[in-house]
Amino acid sequence: MIFKLVWENVRSHPVRTLLSILLIAVPVTLILTLIGLSNGFLEDSAKRTKGVGADLIFRAKDSSLMTFSGCAHKALSPASRSSPTSPSLPESSTGPSAASTPSPGSRYPASIA
């Protein structure tokens, strides 16, 4: 009996029935879409937060953090700027210098302390 009443209503008012269906279906679809998107964003944010950790940088002594190479970049003195000769090695290239050895009673080398 109810099915017959519904069918008669659909046949007699097709535009009103179509509008009623659309006005119910569109908001339900939008709400489900927003819920799905928000859940996806939350899961992605949780995955990214889980992957955050400490970033360790290993670099050679006297190397620059501004370049991607491990080469030492020392400031040129005025005397070395005037003579365009090939670069030379530091004086203490064979072993640690006196400035880099810890002084007695100190935990740090003299150049740091």
C-alpha atoms as a PDB file:
ATOM      1  CA  MET A   1       0.000   0.000   0.000  1.00  0.00           C
ATOM      2  CA  ILE A   2       2.798   2.456   0.893  1.00  0.00           C
ATOM      3  CA  PHE A   3       4.721   1.532  -2.247  1.00  0.00           C
ATOM      4  CA  LYS A   4       1.653   2.340  -4.344  1.00  0.00           C
ATOM      5  CA  LEU A   5       1.293   5.737  -2.629  1.00  0.00           C
ATOM      6  CA  VAL A   6       4.993   6.548  -3.198  1.00  0.00           C
ATOM      7  CA  TRP A   7       4.829   5.502  -6.828  1.00  0.00           C
ATOM      8  CA  GLU A   8       1.752   7.641  -7.467  1.00  0.00           C
ATOM      9  CA  ASN A   9       3.512  10.624  -5.876  1.00  0.00           C
ATOM     10  CA  VAL A  10       6.603  10.075  -8.097  1.00  0.00           C
ATOM     11  CA  ARG A  11       4.432   9.844 -11.208  1.00  0.00           C
ATOM     12  CA  SER A  12       2.322  12.882 -10.393  1.00  0.00           C
ATOM     13  CA  HIS A  13       5.212  15.188  -9.222  1.00  0.00           C
ATOM     14  CA  PRO A  14       8.422  14.066 -10.962  1.00  0.00           C
ATOM     15  CA  VAL A  15      10.305  17.382 -10.648  1.00  0.00           C
ATOM     16  CA  ARG A  16       9.575  17.711  -6.946  1.00  0.00           C
ATOM     17  CA  THR A  17      10.653  14.096  -6.383  1.00  0.00           C
ATOM     18  CA  LEU A  18      13.904  14.592  -8.306  1.00  0.00           C
ATOM     19  CA  LEU A  19      14.676  17.768  -6.345  1.00  0.00           C
ATOM     20  CA  SER A  20      13.983  15.996  -3.050  1.00  0.00           C
ATOM     21  CA  ILE A  21      16.348  13.164  -3.988  1.00  0.00           C
ATOM     22  CA  LEU A  22      19.085  15.606  -5.027  1.00  0.00           C
ATOM     23  CA  LEU A  23      18.662  17.771  -1.918  1.00  0.00           C
ATOM     24  CA  ILE A  24      19.213  14.712   0.258  1.00  0.00           C
ATOM     25  CA  ALA A  25      21.944  12.982  -1.798  1.00  0.00           C
ATOM     26  CA  VAL A  26      24.242  15.981  -2.404  1.00  0.00           C
ATOM     27  CA  PRO A  27      24.768  17.014   1.270  1.00  0.00           C
ATOM     28  CA  VAL A  28      25.229  13.391   2.348  1.00  0.00           C
ATOM     29  CA  THR A  29      27.865  12.924  -0.374  1.00  0.00           C
ATOM     30  CA  LEU A  30      29.642  16.145   0.621  1.00  0.00           C
ATOM     31  CA  ILE A  31      29.698  15.201   4.309  1.00  0.00           C
ATOM     32  CA  LEU A  32      31.124  11.743   3.553  1.00  0.00           C
ATOM     33  CA  THR A  33      33.750  13.291   1.264  1.00  0.00           C
ATOM     34  CA  LEU A  34      34.832  15.805   3.921  1.00  0.00           C
ATOM     35  CA  ILE A  35      35.042  13.084   6.575  1.00  0.00           C
ATOM     36  CA  GLY A  36      37.188  10.939   4.250  1.00  0.00           C
ATOM     37  CA  LEU A  37      39.510  13.839   3.417  1.00  0.00           C
ATOM     38  CA  SER A  38      39.946  14.858   7.045  1.00  0.00           C
ATOM     39  CA  ASN A  39      40.744  11.269   8.058  1.00  0.00           C
ATOM     40  CA  GLY A  40      43.294  11.050   5.242  1.00  0.00           C
ATOM     41  CA  PHE A  41      44.953  14.306   6.293  1.00  0.00           C
ATOM     42  CA  LEU A  42      45.117  13.156   9.918  1.00  0.00           C
ATOM     43  CA  GLU A  43      46.669   9.799   8.981  1.00  0.00           C
ATOM     44  CA  ASP A  44      49.214  11.471   6.702  1.00  0.00           C
ATOM     45  CA  SER A  45      50.107  13.967   9.412  1.00  0.00           C
ATOM     46  CA  ALA A  46      50.577  11.139  11.907  1.00  0.00           C
ATOM     47  CA  LYS A  47      52.880   9.291   9.475  1.00  0.00           C
ATOM     48  CA  ARG A  48      54.963  12.429   8.911  1.00  0.00           C
ATOM     49  CA  THR A  49      55.200  13.138  12.636  1.00  0.00           C
ATOM     50  CA  LYS A  50      56.265   9.550  13.273  1.00  0.00           C
ATOM     51  CA  GLY A  51      59.145   9.939  10.809  1.00  0.00           C
ATOM     52  CA  VAL A  52      60.571  13.067  12.429  1.00  0.00           C
ATOM     53  CA  GLY A  53      63.838  12.504  14.256  1.00  0.00           C
ATOM     54  CA  ALA A  54      67.232  13.981  14.882  1.00  0.00           C
ATOM     55  CA  ASP A  55      69.263  14.977  11.858  1.00  0.00           C
ATOM     56  CA  LEU A  56      72.952  14.230  12.332  1.00  0.00           C
ATOM     57  CA  ILE A  57      75.552  15.900  10.175  1.00  0.00           C
ATOM     58  CA  PHE A  58      79.031  14.397   9.983  1.00  0.00           C
ATOM     59  CA  ARG A  59      81.624  16.751   8.592  1.00  0.00           C
ATOM     60  CA  ALA A  60      85.375  17.056   8.527  1.00  0.00           C
ATOM     61  CA  LYS A  61      87.162  19.410  10.866  1.00  0.00           C
ATOM     62  CA  ASP A  62      87.309  22.979   9.484  1.00  0.00           C
ATOM     63  CA  SER A  63      84.795  22.165   6.734  1.00  0.00           C
ATOM     64  CA  SER A  64      81.987  24.543   5.932  1.00  0.00           C
ATOM     65  CA  LEU A  65      78.348  23.780   6.672  1.00  0.00           C
ATOM     66  CA  MET A  66      77.325  26.032   3.777  1.00  0.00           C
ATOM     67  CA  THR A  67      78.753  23.735   1.089  1.00  0.00           C
ATOM     68  CA  PHE A  68      78.035  20.124   0.276  1.00  0.00           C
ATOM     69  CA  SER A  69      81.668  19.103  -0.010  1.00  0.00           C
ATOM     70  CA  GLY A  70      83.954  18.053   2.789  1.00  0.00           C
ATOM     71  CA  CYS A  71      86.667  20.506   1.772  1.00  0.00           C
ATOM     72  CA  ALA A  72      88.031  22.923   4.309  1.00  0.00           C
ATOM     73  CA  HIS A  73      87.326  26.548   3.427  1.00  0.00           C
ATOM     74  CA  LYS A  74      89.583  28.900   5.322  1.00  0.00           C
ATOM     75  CA  ALA A  75      89.533  32.644   4.978  1.00  0.00           C
ATOM     76  CA  LEU A  76      92.419  33.936   2.950  1.00  0.00           C
ATOM     77  CA  SER A  77      94.820  36.265   4.657  1.00  0.00           C
ATOM     78  CA  PRO A  78      95.691  39.550   2.881  1.00  0.00           C
ATOM     79  CA  ALA A  79      99.184  38.222   2.067  1.00  0.00           C
ATOM     80  CA  SER A  80      97.859  35.087   0.375  1.00  0.00           C
ATOM     81  CA  ARG A  81      95.289  37.048  -1.639  1.00  0.00           C
ATOM     82  CA  SER A  82      97.959  39.083  -3.391  1.00  0.00           C
ATOM     83  CA  SER A  83     100.029  36.131  -4.649  1.00  0.00           C
ATOM     84  CA  PRO A  84      98.159  33.925  -7.116  1.00  0.00           C
ATOM     85  CA  THR A  85     100.041  30.717  -6.374  1.00  0.00           C
ATOM     86  CA  SER A  86      98.755  27.213  -5.991  1.00  0.00           C
ATOM     87  CA  PRO A  87      97.266  26.379  -2.579  1.00  0.00           C
ATOM     88  CA  SER A  88      99.606  24.838  -0.066  1.00  0.00           C
ATOM     89  CA  LEU A  89      98.951  22.409   2.748  1.00  0.00           C
ATOM     90  CA  PRO A  90      98.841  23.640   6.337  1.00  0.00           C
ATOM     91  CA  GLU A  91     102.098  23.453   8.258  1.00  0.00           C
ATOM     92  CA  SER A  92     100.906  20.670  10.566  1.00  0.00           C
ATOM     93  CA  SER A  93      99.460  18.338   7.927  1.00  0.00           C
ATOM     94  CA  THR A  94     101.242  15.255   9.286  1.00  0.00           C
ATOM     95  CA  GLY A  95      99.837  15.258  12.832  1.00  0.00           C
ATOM     96  CA  PRO A  96      97.785  17.116  15.375  1.00  0.00           C
ATOM     97  CA  SER A  97      98.957  20.587  16.198  1.00  0.00           C
ATOM     98  CA  ALA A  98      99.599  21.884  19.672  1.00  0.00           C
ATOM     99  CA  ALA A  99      96.424  23.951  19.525  1.00  0.00           C
ATOM    100  CA  SER A 100      94.235  20.889  18.965  1.00  0.00           C
ATOM    101  CA  THR A 101      95.597  18.859  21.896  1.00  0.00           C
ATOM    102  CA  PRO A 102      93.832  19.291  25.210  1.00  0.00           C
ATOM    103  CA  SER A 103      95.637  21.346  27.771  1.00  0.00           C
ATOM    104  CA  PRO A 104      96.322  19.665  31.130  1.00  0.00           C
ATOM    105  CA  GLY A 105      93.231  19.628  33.323  1.00  0.00           C
ATOM    106  CA  SER A 106      90.911  20.569  30.455  1.00  0.00           C
ATOM    107  CA  ARG A 107      88.381  18.417  28.626  1.00  0.00           C
ATOM    108  CA  TYR A 108      88.503  20.506  25.454  1.00  0.00           C
ATOM    109  CA  PRO A 109      91.323  21.406  23.080  1.00  0.00           C
ATOM    110  CA  ALA A 110      92.884  24.819  23.560  1.00  0.00           C
ATOM    111  CA  SER A 111      91.308  26.082  20.310  1.00  0.00           C
ATOM    112  CA  ILE A 112      87.792  25.425  21.673  1.00  0.00           C
ATOM    113  CA  ALA A 113      88.345  26.517  25.271  1.00  0.00           C
END
